[in-house]
Amino acid sequence: VLFGELLPEEVWHQAMSAIRQADLVLIIGTSLQVYPVNQLPSMAKG
């Protein structure tokens, strides 16, 4: 996915589901400036 493009919807739903189920989420090497991916850490339950 290039900058400015939307993520495929199914991929986004898979990422949200996985992050909600994870016991531990590692976020590595990012400024967390790009929406909507920067929202994923706040969705984590672990």
All heavy atoms as atom14 arrays in JSON, in Angstrom:
{
  "sequence": "VLFGELLPEEVWHQAMSAIRQADLVLIIGTSLQVYPVNQLPSMAKG",
  "atom14_mask": [
    [1, 1, 1, 1, 1, 1, 1, 0, 0, 0, 0, 0, 0, 0],
    [1, 1, 1, 1, 1, 1, 1, 1, 0, 0, 0, 0, 0, 0],
    [1, 1, 1, 1, 1, 1, 1, 1, 1, 1, 1, 0, 0, 0],
    [1, 1, 1, 1, 0, 0, 0, 0, 0, 0, 0, 0, 0, 0],
    [1, 1, 1, 1, 1, 1, 1, 1, 1, 0, 0, 0, 0, 0],
    [1, 1, 1, 1, 1, 1, 1, 1, 0, 0, 0, 0, 0, 0],
    [1, 1, 1, 1, 1, 1, 1, 1, 0, 0, 0, 0, 0, 0],
    [1, 1, 1, 1, 1, 1, 1, 0, 0, 0, 0, 0, 0, 0],
    [1, 1, 1, 1, 1, 1, 1, 1, 1, 0, 0, 0, 0, 0],
    [1, 1, 1, 1, 1, 1, 1, 1, 1, 0, 0, 0, 0, 0],
    [1, 1, 1, 1, 1, 1, 1, 0, 0, 0, 0, 0, 0, 0],
    [1, 1, 1, 1, 1, 1, 1, 1, 1, 1, 1, 1, 1, 1],
    [1, 1, 1, 1, 1, 1, 1, 1, 1, 1, 0, 0, 0, 0],
    [1, 1, 1, 1, 1, 1, 1, 1, 1, 0, 0, 0, 0, 0],
    [1, 1, 1, 1, 1, 0, 0, 0, 0, 0, 0, 0, 0, 0],
    [1, 1, 1, 1, 1, 1, 1, 1, 0, 0, 0, 0, 0, 0],
    [1, 1, 1, 1, 1, 1, 0, 0, 0, 0, 0, 0, 0, 0],
    [1, 1, 1, 1, 1, 0, 0, 0, 0, 0, 0, 0, 0, 0],
    [1, 1, 1, 1, 1, 1, 1, 1, 0, 0, 0, 0, 0, 0],
    [1, 1, 1, 1, 1, 1, 1, 1, 1, 1, 1, 0, 0, 0],
    [1, 1, 1, 1, 1, 1, 1, 1, 1, 0, 0, 0, 0, 0],
    [1, 1, 1, 1, 1, 0, 0, 0, 0, 0, 0, 0, 0, 0],
    [1, 1, 1, 1, 1, 1, 1, 1, 0, 0, 0, 0, 0, 0],
    [1, 1, 1, 1, 1, 1, 1, 1, 0, 0, 0, 0, 0, 0],
    [1, 1, 1, 1, 1, 1, 1, 0, 0, 0, 0, 0, 0, 0],
    [1, 1, 1, 1, 1, 1, 1, 1, 0, 0, 0, 0, 0, 0],
    [1, 1, 1, 1, 1, 1, 1, 1, 0, 0, 0, 0, 0, 0],
    [1, 1, 1, 1, 1, 1, 1, 1, 0, 0, 0, 0, 0, 0],
    [1, 1, 1, 1, 0, 0, 0, 0, 0, 0, 0, 0, 0, 0],
    [1, 1, 1, 1, 1, 1, 1, 0, 0, 0, 0, 0, 0, 0],
    [1, 1, 1, 1, 1, 1, 0, 0, 0, 0, 0, 0, 0, 0],
    [1, 1, 1, 1, 1, 1, 1, 1, 0, 0, 0, 0, 0, 0],
    [1, 1, 1, 1, 1, 1, 1, 1, 1, 0, 0, 0, 0, 0],
    [1, 1, 1, 1, 1, 1, 1, 0, 0, 0, 0, 0, 0, 0],
    [1, 1, 1, 1, 1, 1, 1, 1, 1, 1, 1, 1, 0, 0],
    [1, 1, 1, 1, 1, 1, 1, 0, 0, 0, 0, 0, 0, 0],
    [1, 1, 1, 1, 1, 1, 1, 0, 0, 0, 0, 0, 0, 0],
    [1, 1, 1, 1, 1, 1, 1, 1, 0, 0, 0, 0, 0, 0],
    [1, 1, 1, 1, 1, 1, 1, 1, 1, 0, 0, 0, 0, 0],
    [1, 1, 1, 1, 1, 1, 1, 1, 0, 0, 0, 0, 0, 0],
    [1, 1, 1, 1, 1, 1, 1, 0, 0, 0, 0, 0, 0, 0],
    [1, 1, 1, 1, 1, 1, 0, 0, 0, 0, 0, 0, 0, 0],
    [1, 1, 1, 1, 1, 1, 1, 1, 0, 0, 0, 0, 0, 0],
    [1, 1, 1, 1, 1, 0, 0, 0, 0, 0, 0, 0, 0, 0],
    [1, 1, 1, 1, 1, 1, 1, 1, 1, 0, 0, 0, 0, 0],
    [1, 1, 1, 1, 0, 0, 0, 0, 0, 0, 0, 0, 0, 0]
  ],
  "atom14_positions": [
    [[0.87, -1.17, 0.0], [0.0, 0.0, 0.0], [0.9, 1.22, 0.0], [1.74, 1.39, 0.9], [-0.92, 0.02, 1.23], [-1.76, 1.28, 1.25], [-1.81, -1.23, 1.24], [0.0, 0.0, 0.0], [0.0, 0.0, 0.0], [0.0, 0.0, 0.0], [0.0, 0.0, 0.0], [0.0, 0.0, 0.0], [0.0, 0.0, 0.0], [0.0, 0.0, 0.0]],
    [[0.77, 2.04, -0.99], [1.58, 3.24, -1.1], [0.99, 4.37, -0.29], [-0.21, 4.38, 0.02], [1.71, 3.64, -2.57], [2.35, 2.58, -3.49], [2.29, 3.01, -4.94], [3.79, 2.3, -3.07], [0.0, 0.0, 0.0], [0.0, 0.0, 0.0], [0.0, 0.0, 0.0], [0.0, 0.0, 0.0], [0.0, 0.0, 0.0], [0.0, 0.0, 0.0]],
    [[1.81, 5.33, 0.08], [1.36, 6.46, 0.88], [0.18, 7.15, 0.2], [0.2, 7.41, -0.99], [2.5, 7.46, 1.09], [2.16, 8.54, 2.06], [2.17, 8.29, 3.42], [1.79, 9.79, 1.61], [1.85, 9.27, 4.33], [1.47, 10.8, 2.52], [1.5, 10.53, 3.87], [0.0, 0.0, 0.0], [0.0, 0.0, 0.0], [0.0, 0.0, 0.0]],
    [[-0.87, 7.42, 0.95], [-2.04, 8.08, 0.41], [-3.11, 7.11, -0.08], [-4.23, 7.53, -0.38], [0.0, 0.0, 0.0], [0.0, 0.0, 0.0], [0.0, 0.0, 0.0], [0.0, 0.0, 0.0], [0.0, 0.0, 0.0], [0.0, 0.0, 0.0], [0.0, 0.0, 0.0], [0.0, 0.0, 0.0], [0.0, 0.0, 0.0], [0.0, 0.0, 0.0]],
    [[-2.79, 5.82, -0.17], [-3.77, 4.83, -0.6], [-4.47, 4.22, 0.62], [-3.92, 4.2, 1.72], [-3.09, 3.7, -1.38], [-2.5, 4.15, -2.68], [-1.84, 2.99, -3.43], [-1.42, 2.01, -2.8], [-1.75, 3.1, -4.65], [0.0, 0.0, 0.0], [0.0, 0.0, 0.0], [0.0, 0.0, 0.0], [0.0, 0.0, 0.0], [0.0, 0.0, 0.0]],
    [[-5.67, 3.74, 0.4], [-6.4, 3.06, 1.46], [-5.92, 1.62, 1.59], [-5.57, 0.98, 0.6], [-7.9, 3.07, 1.16], [-8.58, 4.43, 1.13], [-10.04, 4.26, 0.72], [-8.48, 5.09, 2.49], [0.0, 0.0, 0.0], [0.0, 0.0, 0.0], [0.0, 0.0, 0.0], [0.0, 0.0, 0.0], [0.0, 0.0, 0.0], [0.0, 0.0, 0.0]],
    [[-5.94, 1.13, 2.82], [-5.66, -0.28, 3.04], [-6.83, -1.1, 2.53], [-7.99, -0.67, 2.65], [-5.48, -0.56, 4.53], [-4.26, 0.04, 5.2], [-4.39, -0.1, 6.71], [-3.01, -0.63, 4.71], [0.0, 0.0, 0.0], [0.0, 0.0, 0.0], [0.0, 0.0, 0.0], [0.0, 0.0, 0.0], [0.0, 0.0, 0.0], [0.0, 0.0, 0.0]],
    [[-6.58, -2.3, 2.0], [-7.7, -3.16, 1.64], [-8.54, -3.44, 2.89], [-8.0, -3.71, 3.97], [-7.03, -4.44, 1.13], [-5.66, -4.0, 0.71], [-5.29, -2.88, 1.64], [0.0, 0.0, 0.0], [0.0, 0.0, 0.0], [0.0, 0.0, 0.0], [0.0, 0.0, 0.0], [0.0, 0.0, 0.0], [0.0, 0.0, 0.0], [0.0, 0.0, 0.0]],
    [[-9.85, -3.38, 2.76], [-10.75, -3.5, 3.92], [-10.55, -4.8, 4.68], [-10.52, -4.81, 5.91], [-12.2, -3.36, 3.45], [-13.16, -3.24, 4.6], [-14.58, -2.92, 4.15], [-14.76, -2.4, 3.04], [-15.49, -3.21, 4.93], [0.0, 0.0, 0.0], [0.0, 0.0, 0.0], [0.0, 0.0, 0.0], [0.0, 0.0, 0.0], [0.0, 0.0, 0.0]],
    [[-10.41, -5.91, 3.97], [-10.24, -7.2, 4.64], [-8.94, -7.24, 5.44], [-8.9, -7.77, 6.56], [-10.27, -8.34, 3.61], [-10.13, -9.72, 4.22], [-11.22, -10.07, 5.24], [-12.34, -9.54, 5.14], [-10.94, -10.88, 6.13], [0.0, 0.0, 0.0], [0.0, 0.0, 0.0], [0.0, 0.0, 0.0], [0.0, 0.0, 0.0], [0.0, 0.0, 0.0]],
    [[-7.88, -6.68, 4.9], [-6.59, -6.63, 5.61], [-6.73, -5.81, 6.89], [-6.23, -6.19, 7.95], [-5.49, -6.05, 4.7], [-4.21, -5.8, 5.47], [-5.24, -6.98, 3.52], [0.0, 0.0, 0.0], [0.0, 0.0, 0.0], [0.0, 0.0, 0.0], [0.0, 0.0, 0.0], [0.0, 0.0, 0.0], [0.0, 0.0, 0.0], [0.0, 0.0, 0.0]],
    [[-7.43, -4.68, 6.81], [-7.63, -3.83, 7.98], [-8.41, -4.58, 9.06], [-8.05, -4.55, 10.23], [-8.35, -2.55, 7.57], [-8.64, -1.64, 8.71], [-9.86, -1.35, 9.23], [-7.68, -0.94, 9.51], [-9.72, -0.49, 10.3], [-8.4, -0.23, 10.49], [-6.3, -0.85, 9.49], [-7.78, 0.57, 11.44], [-5.68, -0.06, 10.44], [-6.42, 0.64, 11.39]],
    [[-9.46, -5.28, 8.69], [-10.26, -6.04, 9.66], [-9.44, -7.17, 10.29], [-9.57, -7.43, 11.49], [-11.54, -6.59, 9.03], [-12.54, -5.52, 8.72], [-13.15, -4.75, 9.68], [-13.01, -5.06, 7.54], [-13.96, -3.88, 9.13], [-13.89, -4.04, 7.81], [0.0, 0.0, 0.0], [0.0, 0.0, 0.0], [0.0, 0.0, 0.0], [0.0, 0.0, 0.0]],
    [[-8.6, -7.82, 9.51], [-7.73, -8.87, 10.05], [-6.75, -8.29, 11.06], [-6.5, -8.88, 12.11], [-6.98, -9.57, 8.93], [-7.85, -10.45, 8.07], [-7.12, -10.99, 6.85], [-5.99, -10.61, 6.56], [-7.76, -11.89, 6.14], [0.0, 0.0, 0.0], [0.0, 0.0, 0.0], [0.0, 0.0, 0.0], [0.0, 0.0, 0.0], [0.0, 0.0, 0.0]],
    [[-6.19, -7.13, 10.75], [-5.24, -6.48, 11.66], [-5.92, -6.1, 12.97], [-5.37, -6.33, 14.06], [-4.63, -5.25, 11.01], [0.0, 0.0, 0.0], [0.0, 0.0, 0.0], [0.0, 0.0, 0.0], [0.0, 0.0, 0.0], [0.0, 0.0, 0.0], [0.0, 0.0, 0.0], [0.0, 0.0, 0.0], [0.0, 0.0, 0.0], [0.0, 0.0, 0.0]],
    [[-7.11, -5.53, 12.89], [-7.85, -5.15, 14.09], [-8.19, -6.37, 14.94], [-8.05, -6.35, 16.17], [-9.12, -4.39, 13.74], [-8.86, -2.98, 13.26], [-10.34, -1.96, 13.1], [-11.34, -2.92, 11.99], [0.0, 0.0, 0.0], [0.0, 0.0, 0.0], [0.0, 0.0, 0.0], [0.0, 0.0, 0.0], [0.0, 0.0, 0.0], [0.0, 0.0, 0.0]],
    [[-8.61, -7.45, 14.31], [-8.95, -8.66, 15.04], [-7.72, -9.25, 15.73], [-7.77, -9.62, 16.91], [-9.55, -9.69, 14.07], [-9.79, -10.9, 14.73], [0.0, 0.0, 0.0], [0.0, 0.0, 0.0], [0.0, 0.0, 0.0], [0.0, 0.0, 0.0], [0.0, 0.0, 0.0], [0.0, 0.0, 0.0], [0.0, 0.0, 0.0], [0.0, 0.0, 0.0]],
    [[-6.61, -9.31, 15.02], [-5.39, -9.88, 15.59], [-4.87, -9.05, 16.76], [-4.46, -9.6, 17.79], [-4.32, -9.99, 14.5], [0.0, 0.0, 0.0], [0.0, 0.0, 0.0], [0.0, 0.0, 0.0], [0.0, 0.0, 0.0], [0.0, 0.0, 0.0], [0.0, 0.0, 0.0], [0.0, 0.0, 0.0], [0.0, 0.0, 0.0], [0.0, 0.0, 0.0]],
    [[-4.91, -7.75, 16.62], [-4.37, -6.9, 17.68], [-5.25, -6.95, 18.93], [-4.75, -6.85, 20.05], [-4.15, -5.46, 17.17], [-3.0, -4.82, 17.92], [-5.39, -4.61, 17.26], [-2.41, -3.63, 17.24], [0.0, 0.0, 0.0], [0.0, 0.0, 0.0], [0.0, 0.0, 0.0], [0.0, 0.0, 0.0], [0.0, 0.0, 0.0], [0.0, 0.0, 0.0]],
    [[-6.53, -7.13, 18.76], [-7.44, -7.24, 19.91], [-7.26, -8.56, 20.66], [-7.55, -8.65, 21.85], [-8.89, -7.1, 19.46], [-9.25, -5.67, 19.1], [-10.71, -5.54, 18.72], [-11.02, -4.19, 18.35], [-11.64, -3.83, 17.23], [-12.04, -4.75, 16.37], [-11.88, -2.57, 16.97], [0.0, 0.0, 0.0], [0.0, 0.0, 0.0], [0.0, 0.0, 0.0]],
    [[-6.8, -9.59, 19.97], [-6.64, -10.91, 20.57], [-5.25, -11.15, 21.15], [-5.05, -12.08, 21.93], [-6.92, -11.99, 19.53], [-8.35, -12.01, 19.06], [-8.57, -13.05, 17.98], [-8.01, -14.13, 18.03], [-9.38, -12.7, 17.0], [0.0, 0.0, 0.0], [0.0, 0.0, 0.0], [0.0, 0.0, 0.0], [0.0, 0.0, 0.0], [0.0, 0.0, 0.0]],
    [[-4.29, -10.29, 20.8], [-2.9, -10.51, 21.2], [-2.68, -10.24, 22.69], [-3.23, -9.29, 23.24], [-1.98, -9.61, 20.38], [0.0, 0.0, 0.0], [0.0, 0.0, 0.0], [0.0, 0.0, 0.0], [0.0, 0.0, 0.0], [0.0, 0.0, 0.0], [0.0, 0.0, 0.0], [0.0, 0.0, 0.0], [0.0, 0.0, 0.0], [0.0, 0.0, 0.0]],
    [[-1.87, -11.07, 23.31], [-1.47, -10.84, 24.7], [-0.39, -9.76, 24.79], [-0.29, -9.05, 25.78], [-0.91, -12.12, 25.32], [-1.97, -13.19, 25.45], [-3.15, -12.85, 25.71], [-1.63, -14.38, 25.28], [0.0, 0.0, 0.0], [0.0, 0.0, 0.0], [0.0, 0.0, 0.0], [0.0, 0.0, 0.0], [0.0, 0.0, 0.0], [0.0, 0.0, 0.0]],
    [[0.42, -9.66, 23.73], [1.5, -8.69, 23.68], [1.6, -8.14, 22.26], [1.63, -8.91, 21.3], [2.84, -9.34, 24.06], [4.09, -8.49, 23.89], [4.06, -7.3, 24.86], [5.34, -9.34, 24.1], [0.0, 0.0, 0.0], [0.0, 0.0, 0.0], [0.0, 0.0, 0.0], [0.0, 0.0, 0.0], [0.0, 0.0, 0.0], [0.0, 0.0, 0.0]],
    [[1.65, -6.82, 22.14], [1.79, -6.17, 20.84], [3.09, -5.36, 20.86], [3.27, -4.49, 21.72], [0.6, -5.24, 20.54], [0.81, -4.51, 19.22], [-0.7, -6.04, 20.51], [0.0, 0.0, 0.0], [0.0, 0.0, 0.0], [0.0, 0.0, 0.0], [0.0, 0.0, 0.0], [0.0, 0.0, 0.0], [0.0, 0.0, 0.0], [0.0, 0.0, 0.0]],
    [[3.99, -5.67, 19.93], [5.23, -4.92, 19.77], [5.08, -3.99, 18.57], [4.76, -4.44, 17.48], [6.41, -5.86, 19.51], [6.73, -6.89, 20.59], [7.85, -7.8, 20.11], [7.09, -6.21, 21.89], [0.0, 0.0, 0.0], [0.0, 0.0, 0.0], [0.0, 0.0, 0.0], [0.0, 0.0, 0.0], [0.0, 0.0, 0.0], [0.0, 0.0, 0.0]],
    [[5.31, -2.71, 18.8], [5.3, -1.72, 17.73], [6.75, -1.29, 17.57], [7.35, -0.75, 18.51], [4.4, -0.51, 18.07], [2.99, -0.96, 18.45], [4.41, 0.49, 16.94], [2.2, -1.59, 17.34], [0.0, 0.0, 0.0], [0.0, 0.0, 0.0], [0.0, 0.0, 0.0], [0.0, 0.0, 0.0], [0.0, 0.0, 0.0], [0.0, 0.0, 0.0]],
    [[7.32, -1.53, 16.39], [8.75, -1.36, 16.22], [9.06, -0.39, 15.08], [8.63, -0.6, 13.95], [9.43, -2.72, 15.96], [9.12, -3.69, 17.1], [10.93, -2.56, 15.76], [9.57, -5.11, 16.86], [0.0, 0.0, 0.0], [0.0, 0.0, 0.0], [0.0, 0.0, 0.0], [0.0, 0.0, 0.0], [0.0, 0.0, 0.0], [0.0, 0.0, 0.0]],
    [[9.83, 0.65, 15.4], [10.39, 1.54, 14.39], [9.38, 2.35, 13.61], [9.31, 2.23, 12.39], [0.0, 0.0, 0.0], [0.0, 0.0, 0.0], [0.0, 0.0, 0.0], [0.0, 0.0, 0.0], [0.0, 0.0, 0.0], [0.0, 0.0, 0.0], [0.0, 0.0, 0.0], [0.0, 0.0, 0.0], [0.0, 0.0, 0.0], [0.0, 0.0, 0.0]],
    [[8.6, 3.19, 14.28], [7.61, 3.99, 13.59], [7.4, 5.31, 14.32], [7.53, 5.38, 15.54], [6.26, 3.26, 13.47], [5.31, 4.12, 12.85], [5.74, 2.83, 14.82], [0.0, 0.0, 0.0], [0.0, 0.0, 0.0], [0.0, 0.0, 0.0], [0.0, 0.0, 0.0], [0.0, 0.0, 0.0], [0.0, 0.0, 0.0], [0.0, 0.0, 0.0]],
    [[7.04, 6.34, 13.57], [6.71, 7.62, 14.17], [5.26, 7.67, 14.63], [4.85, 8.58, 15.34], [6.95, 8.75, 13.17], [6.06, 8.61, 12.07], [0.0, 0.0, 0.0], [0.0, 0.0, 0.0], [0.0, 0.0, 0.0], [0.0, 0.0, 0.0], [0.0, 0.0, 0.0], [0.0, 0.0, 0.0], [0.0, 0.0, 0.0], [0.0, 0.0, 0.0]],
    [[4.46, 6.69, 14.22], [3.03, 6.62, 14.52], [2.29, 7.87, 14.04], [1.35, 8.33, 14.67], [2.8, 6.4, 16.03], [3.25, 5.05, 16.55], [3.25, 5.03, 18.07], [2.35, 3.95, 16.0], [0.0, 0.0, 0.0], [0.0, 0.0, 0.0], [0.0, 0.0, 0.0], [0.0, 0.0, 0.0], [0.0, 0.0, 0.0], [0.0, 0.0, 0.0]],
    [[2.69, 8.39, 12.9], [2.07, 9.58, 12.34], [1.01, 9.28, 11.29], [0.23, 10.14, 10.95], [3.14, 10.48, 11.71], [4.12, 11.04, 12.71], [3.45, 11.95, 13.72], [2.69, 12.85, 13.34], [3.69, 11.73, 14.99], [0.0, 0.0, 0.0], [0.0, 0.0, 0.0], [0.0, 0.0, 0.0], [0.0, 0.0, 0.0], [0.0, 0.0, 0.0]],
    [[1.0, 8.08, 10.73], [0.13, 7.77, 9.6], [-1.17, 7.12, 10.08], [-1.17, 6.08, 10.72], [0.84, 6.85, 8.59], [-0.08, 6.5, 7.44], [2.1, 7.53, 8.07], [0.0, 0.0, 0.0], [0.0, 0.0, 0.0], [0.0, 0.0, 0.0], [0.0, 0.0, 0.0], [0.0, 0.0, 0.0], [0.0, 0.0, 0.0], [0.0, 0.0, 0.0]],
    [[-2.28, 7.78, 9.78], [-3.62, 7.28, 10.09], [-4.06, 6.38, 8.94], [-3.74, 6.66, 7.8], [-4.59, 8.47, 10.22], [-6.0, 8.06, 10.5], [-6.42, 7.84, 11.79], [-6.91, 7.87, 9.46], [-7.72, 7.45, 12.06], [-8.21, 7.48, 9.72], [-8.61, 7.27, 11.01], [-9.88, 6.88, 11.28], [0.0, 0.0, 0.0], [0.0, 0.0, 0.0]],
    [[-4.72, 5.29, 9.16], [-5.31, 4.8, 10.4], [-4.44, 3.82, 11.17], [-4.81, 3.39, 12.25], [-6.58, 4.12, 9.92], [-6.19, 3.51, 8.61], [-5.23, 4.53, 8.0], [0.0, 0.0, 0.0], [0.0, 0.0, 0.0], [0.0, 0.0, 0.0], [0.0, 0.0, 0.0], [0.0, 0.0, 0.0], [0.0, 0.0, 0.0], [0.0, 0.0, 0.0]],
    [[-3.28, 3.47, 10.63], [-2.45, 2.46, 11.29], [-2.03, 2.92, 12.68], [-1.88, 2.1, 13.59], [-1.24, 2.11, 10.41], [-0.29, 1.17, 11.1], [-1.71, 1.5, 9.09], [0.0, 0.0, 0.0], [0.0, 0.0, 0.0], [0.0, 0.0, 0.0], [0.0, 0.0, 0.0], [0.0, 0.0, 0.0], [0.0, 0.0, 0.0], [0.0, 0.0, 0.0]],
    [[-1.87, 4.22, 12.89], [-1.46, 4.69, 14.21], [-2.55, 4.48, 15.26], [-2.31, 4.68, 16.45], [-1.02, 6.15, 14.16], [-2.13, 7.1, 13.78], [-3.25, 6.7, 13.49], [-1.81, 8.38, 13.76], [0.0, 0.0, 0.0], [0.0, 0.0, 0.0], [0.0, 0.0, 0.0], [0.0, 0.0, 0.0], [0.0, 0.0, 0.0], [0.0, 0.0, 0.0]],
    [[-3.73, 4.05, 14.85], [-4.8, 3.77, 15.8], [-4.73, 2.34, 16.35], [-5.35, 2.03, 17.37], [-6.17, 3.96, 15.13], [-6.38, 5.36, 14.58], [-6.24, 6.41, 15.66], [-6.98, 6.4, 16.64], [-5.29, 7.31, 15.51], [0.0, 0.0, 0.0], [0.0, 0.0, 0.0], [0.0, 0.0, 0.0], [0.0, 0.0, 0.0], [0.0, 0.0, 0.0]],
    [[-3.99, 1.47, 15.69], [-3.94, 0.07, 16.1], [-3.44, -0.13, 17.54], [-4.03, -0.93, 18.28], [-3.1, -0.75, 15.12], [-3.76, -0.99, 13.76], [-2.79, -1.66, 12.8], [-5.03, -1.8, 13.89], [0.0, 0.0, 0.0], [0.0, 0.0, 0.0], [0.0, 0.0, 0.0], [0.0, 0.0, 0.0], [0.0, 0.0, 0.0], [0.0, 0.0, 0.0]],
    [[-2.38, 0.55, 18.0], [-1.94, 0.3, 19.39], [-3.02, 0.57, 20.43], [-3.12, -0.14, 21.43], [-0.77, 1.26, 19.56], [-0.26, 1.49, 18.18], [-1.47, 1.44, 17.29], [0.0, 0.0, 0.0], [0.0, 0.0, 0.0], [0.0, 0.0, 0.0], [0.0, 0.0, 0.0], [0.0, 0.0, 0.0], [0.0, 0.0, 0.0], [0.0, 0.0, 0.0]],
    [[-3.87, 1.55, 20.2], [-4.91, 1.86, 21.18], [-6.04, 0.82, 21.19], [-6.85, 0.79, 22.11], [-5.5, 3.25, 20.93], [-6.16, 3.29, 19.68], [0.0, 0.0, 0.0], [0.0, 0.0, 0.0], [0.0, 0.0, 0.0], [0.0, 0.0, 0.0], [0.0, 0.0, 0.0], [0.0, 0.0, 0.0], [0.0, 0.0, 0.0], [0.0, 0.0, 0.0]],
    [[-6.08, -0.05, 20.2], [-7.09, -1.1, 20.12], [-6.67, -2.37, 20.87], [-7.47, -3.26, 21.08], [-7.37, -1.45, 18.67], [-7.97, -0.34, 17.88], [-8.14, -0.86, 16.16], [-8.67, 0.67, 15.42], [0.0, 0.0, 0.0], [0.0, 0.0, 0.0], [0.0, 0.0, 0.0], [0.0, 0.0, 0.0], [0.0, 0.0, 0.0], [0.0, 0.0, 0.0]],
    [[-5.4, -2.43, 21.25], [-4.88, -3.63, 21.91], [-5.48, -3.81, 23.28], [-5.66, -2.85, 24.03], [-3.36, -3.55, 22.0], [0.0, 0.0, 0.0], [0.0, 0.0, 0.0], [0.0, 0.0, 0.0], [0.0, 0.0, 0.0], [0.0, 0.0, 0.0], [0.0, 0.0, 0.0], [0.0, 0.0, 0.0], [0.0, 0.0, 0.0], [0.0, 0.0, 0.0]],
    [[-5.81, -5.04, 23.62], [-6.3, -5.37, 24.95], [-5.17, -5.92, 25.82], [-5.24, -5.88, 27.04], [-7.45, -6.36, 24.85], [-8.67, -5.76, 24.15], [-9.88, -6.6, 24.35], [-11.14, -6.1, 23.72], [-11.17, -4.93, 22.96], [0.0, 0.0, 0.0], [0.0, 0.0, 0.0], [0.0, 0.0, 0.0], [0.0, 0.0, 0.0], [0.0, 0.0, 0.0]],
    [[-4.13, -6.43, 25.18], [-2.97, -6.96, 25.9], [-1.95, -5.86, 26.17], [-2.22, -4.67, 25.98], [0.0, 0.0, 0.0], [0.0, 0.0, 0.0], [0.0, 0.0, 0.0], [0.0, 0.0, 0.0], [0.0, 0.0, 0.0], [0.0, 0.0, 0.0], [0.0, 0.0, 0.0], [0.0, 0.0, 0.0], [0.0, 0.0, 0.0], [0.0, 0.0, 0.0]]
  ]
}
